[in-house]
Amino acid sequence: MSAYAIAHLQEAAPHPETALYMERITETLAPYGGRFLVHGARHEVKEGSWPGHVVVIGFPSLDRARAWWDSPAYQEIAQLRARHIEGDIVLVPGVAEDYDPAATAREMRRAMTDR
């Protein structure tokens, strides 16, 4: 099942280290099947607030996403970004192609009546 690395990054001034990070990140993704799905796009906030930027990287599985994050190649460049751009980053599994939110709602209703 697919998985995603999602980053909510704050605004930051351009810096040579962040440029170097961006030049090198793709080579760290390739061995794990990772690819950018969202990067550098303007987003539309429909509810709440979301200052800064969103980045989404897709992976074939959560195990591959974790392996990328923990890899020596990525950890070698991670501080180039982290020193200059604050943000939150999560790894999340996707849902199966046949995922049905109505089935999840049924389970939720069952759990509420079992209390």
Protein backbone atom coordinates (compact mmCIF):
# COMPACT_ATOMS: atom_id res chain seq x y z
CA MET A 1 0.00 0.00 0.00
CA SER A 2 1.30 3.46 -0.86
CA ALA A 3 2.62 5.83 1.78
CA TYR A 4 3.46 9.49 1.90
CA ALA A 5 5.92 11.87 3.49
CA ILE A 6 4.02 15.10 4.08
CA ALA A 7 5.78 18.29 5.13
CA HIS A 8 4.22 21.54 6.29
CA LEU A 9 7.15 23.93 6.03
CA GLN A 10 7.22 27.53 7.22
CA GLU A 11 8.27 30.47 5.07
CA ALA A 12 12.02 30.96 5.04
CA ALA A 13 14.51 33.18 3.29
CA PRO A 14 16.45 31.49 0.48
CA HIS A 15 19.75 30.04 1.65
CA PRO A 16 22.57 28.22 -0.19
CA GLU A 17 22.18 25.17 2.08
CA THR A 18 18.48 24.77 1.23
CA ALA A 19 19.34 25.03 -2.46
CA LEU A 20 21.94 22.27 -2.00
CA TYR A 21 19.35 20.17 -0.14
CA MET A 22 16.90 20.52 -3.01
CA GLU A 23 19.59 19.64 -5.55
CA ARG A 24 20.46 16.44 -3.67
CA ILE A 25 17.14 15.12 -2.34
CA THR A 26 16.03 13.31 -5.51
CA GLU A 27 19.08 11.04 -5.42
CA THR A 28 18.10 9.99 -1.88
CA LEU A 29 14.53 9.12 -2.96
CA ALA A 30 15.35 6.96 -5.98
CA PRO A 31 16.50 3.80 -4.13
CA TYR A 32 13.22 3.76 -2.18
CA GLY A 33 10.83 4.44 -5.05
CA GLY A 34 10.02 7.91 -3.73
CA ARG A 35 8.89 10.76 -5.95
CA PHE A 36 7.58 14.26 -5.45
CA LEU A 37 3.80 14.56 -5.79
CA VAL A 38 3.52 18.14 -4.49
CA HIS A 39 6.37 20.64 -4.28
CA GLY A 40 6.51 24.38 -4.74
CA ALA A 41 2.81 24.68 -5.59
CA ARG A 42 0.54 27.38 -4.20
CA HIS A 43 -2.14 25.85 -2.03
CA GLU A 44 -5.68 27.01 -1.37
CA VAL A 45 -6.75 27.09 2.26
CA LYS A 46 -10.42 26.14 2.52
CA GLU A 47 -10.70 25.87 6.31
CA GLY A 48 -8.48 27.07 9.11
CA SER A 49 -5.03 28.38 8.34
CA TRP A 50 -2.02 26.84 6.67
CA PRO A 51 0.85 29.31 6.45
CA GLY A 52 3.95 28.22 4.61
CA HIS A 53 4.31 25.41 2.08
CA VAL A 54 3.22 21.81 1.63
CA VAL A 55 5.39 19.04 0.20
CA VAL A 56 4.13 15.52 -0.53
CA ILE A 57 6.43 12.67 -1.52
CA GLY A 58 4.91 9.32 -2.51
CA PHE A 59 6.44 5.91 -1.74
CA PRO A 60 5.40 2.35 -2.62
CA SER A 61 5.00 1.48 1.09
CA LEU A 62 5.40 2.84 4.61
CA ASP A 63 8.45 0.61 5.08
CA ARG A 64 10.11 2.22 2.05
CA ALA A 65 9.24 5.72 3.33
CA ARG A 66 10.76 4.91 6.73
CA ALA A 67 13.85 3.40 5.11
CA TRP A 68 14.32 6.58 3.05
CA TRP A 69 13.94 8.84 6.10
CA ASP A 70 16.39 6.76 8.13
CA SER A 71 18.87 6.27 5.28
CA PRO A 72 22.38 7.64 5.68
CA ALA A 73 22.01 9.47 2.34
CA TYR A 74 18.94 11.40 3.49
CA GLN A 75 20.19 12.00 7.02
CA GLU A 76 23.38 13.45 5.52
CA ILE A 77 21.39 16.25 3.85
CA ALA A 78 18.42 16.65 6.23
CA GLN A 79 20.17 19.26 8.38
CA LEU A 80 20.74 21.44 5.32
CA ARG A 81 16.98 22.04 5.31
CA ALA A 82 16.30 21.80 9.03
CA ARG A 83 18.80 24.55 9.91
CA HIS A 84 16.90 27.07 7.80
CA ILE A 85 13.27 25.94 7.44
CA GLU A 86 11.06 25.02 10.39
CA GLY A 87 8.19 22.67 9.83
CA ASP A 88 6.35 19.49 10.62
CA ILE A 89 6.95 16.26 8.70
CA VAL A 90 4.91 13.06 8.96
CA LEU A 91 4.98 9.67 7.30
CA VAL A 92 1.51 8.25 6.69
CA PRO A 93 0.18 5.11 5.04
CA GLY A 94 -2.31 5.50 2.22
CA VAL A 95 -5.59 3.62 2.01
CA ALA A 96 -6.34 0.59 -0.13
CA GLU A 97 -7.89 1.22 -3.55
CA ASP A 98 -11.16 -0.26 -2.32
CA TYR A 99 -11.26 1.86 0.86
CA ASP A 100 -14.82 2.80 1.80
CA PRO A 101 -15.28 5.58 4.37
CA ALA A 102 -18.89 4.45 4.88
CA ALA A 103 -17.56 1.12 6.21
CA THR A 104 -15.35 3.04 8.63
CA ALA A 105 -18.41 5.03 9.74
CA ARG A 106 -20.30 1.78 10.34
CA GLU A 107 -17.46 0.52 12.55
CA MET A 108 -17.48 3.83 14.41
CA ARG A 109 -21.23 3.59 15.00
CA ARG A 110 -20.86 -0.02 16.20
CA ALA A 111 -18.15 1.02 18.64
CA MET A 112 -20.36 3.82 19.99
CA THR A 113 -23.26 1.45 20.65
CA ASP A 114 -20.98 -1.12 22.34
CA ARG A 115 -20.02 1.32 25.11
